[in-house]
């Protein structure tokens, strides 16, 4: 996101801490961002980057399941 001007919906330092979010909520938030990033990578024909994002998405989804 460097130079794009894009900003996260909430500060990365507050997710799961000061905002009262749980571990599961934080993992869900990260997964939702990763879904969009993976789609962008696919559309831009960046297959390896899409793959790496998919790995991170899988990990976020696993953390969501563990936290329940």
Protein backbone atom coordinates (compact mmCIF):
# COMPACT_ATOMS: atom_id res chain seq x y z
CA UNK A 1 0.00 0.00 0.00
CA UNK A 2 3.02 2.25 0.03
CA UNK A 3 2.34 5.31 -2.03
CA UNK A 4 -1.23 4.28 -2.85
CA UNK A 5 -2.84 6.56 -0.30
CA UNK A 6 -4.95 3.63 0.89
CA UNK A 7 -5.53 3.36 4.61
CA UNK A 8 -6.83 0.45 6.68
CA UNK A 9 -10.32 0.79 8.18
CA UNK A 10 -8.82 0.74 11.68
CA UNK A 11 -5.35 1.19 13.02
CA UNK A 12 -3.37 -2.04 12.93
CA UNK A 13 -2.31 -1.36 16.50
CA UNK A 14 -5.87 -1.28 17.79
CA UNK A 15 -7.31 -4.41 16.19
CA UNK A 16 -7.74 -7.01 18.90
CA UNK A 17 -6.47 -4.74 21.68
CA UNK A 18 -7.89 -1.34 22.56
CA UNK A 19 -10.92 -1.78 20.30
CA UNK A 20 -12.06 -4.77 22.35
CA UNK A 21 -11.79 -7.13 19.36
CA UNK A 22 -11.14 -10.77 20.01
CA UNK A 23 -8.52 -12.99 18.41
CA UNK A 24 -11.26 -14.45 16.19
CA UNK A 25 -12.50 -11.00 15.13
CA UNK A 26 -8.97 -9.94 14.30
CA UNK A 27 -8.40 -13.06 12.18
CA UNK A 28 -11.73 -12.45 10.40
CA UNK A 29 -10.76 -8.84 9.70
CA UNK A 30 -7.41 -9.89 8.25
CA UNK A 31 -9.07 -12.61 6.16
CA UNK A 32 -11.51 -10.08 4.70
CA UNK A 33 -8.64 -7.83 3.62
CA UNK A 34 -6.72 -10.77 2.17
CA UNK A 35 -9.73 -11.82 0.07
CA UNK A 36 -9.69 -8.45 -1.69
CA UNK A 37 -5.93 -8.51 -2.11
CA UNK A 38 -6.03 -12.01 -3.61
CA UNK A 39 -8.70 -10.92 -6.10
CA UNK A 40 -6.61 -7.88 -7.05
CA UNK A 41 -3.55 -10.07 -7.59
CA UNK A 42 -5.54 -12.43 -9.82
CA UNK A 43 -6.95 -9.56 -11.87
CA UNK A 44 -3.46 -8.09 -12.28
CA UNK A 45 -2.17 -11.50 -13.44
CA UNK A 46 0.21 -11.87 -10.51
CA UNK A 47 -0.15 -15.62 -9.86
CA UNK A 48 2.69 -16.09 -7.37
CA UNK A 49 1.57 -13.11 -5.31
CA UNK A 50 -2.01 -14.45 -5.40
CA UNK A 51 -0.69 -17.80 -4.19
CA UNK A 52 1.19 -16.22 -1.28
CA UNK A 53 -1.87 -14.24 -0.28
CA UNK A 54 -3.90 -17.47 -0.45
CA UNK A 55 -1.49 -19.08 2.01
CA UNK A 56 -1.92 -16.14 4.39
CA UNK A 57 -5.69 -16.32 3.91
CA UNK A 58 -5.68 -20.01 4.79
CA UNK A 59 -3.73 -19.25 7.96
CA UNK A 60 -6.15 -16.47 8.92
CA UNK A 61 -9.09 -18.82 8.38
CA UNK A 62 -7.43 -21.49 10.53
CA UNK A 63 -6.89 -18.94 13.30
CA UNK A 64 -10.57 -18.01 13.04
CA UNK A 65 -11.51 -21.66 13.62
CA UNK A 66 -9.06 -22.10 16.53
CA UNK A 67 -10.36 -19.01 18.30
CA UNK A 68 -13.95 -20.26 18.41
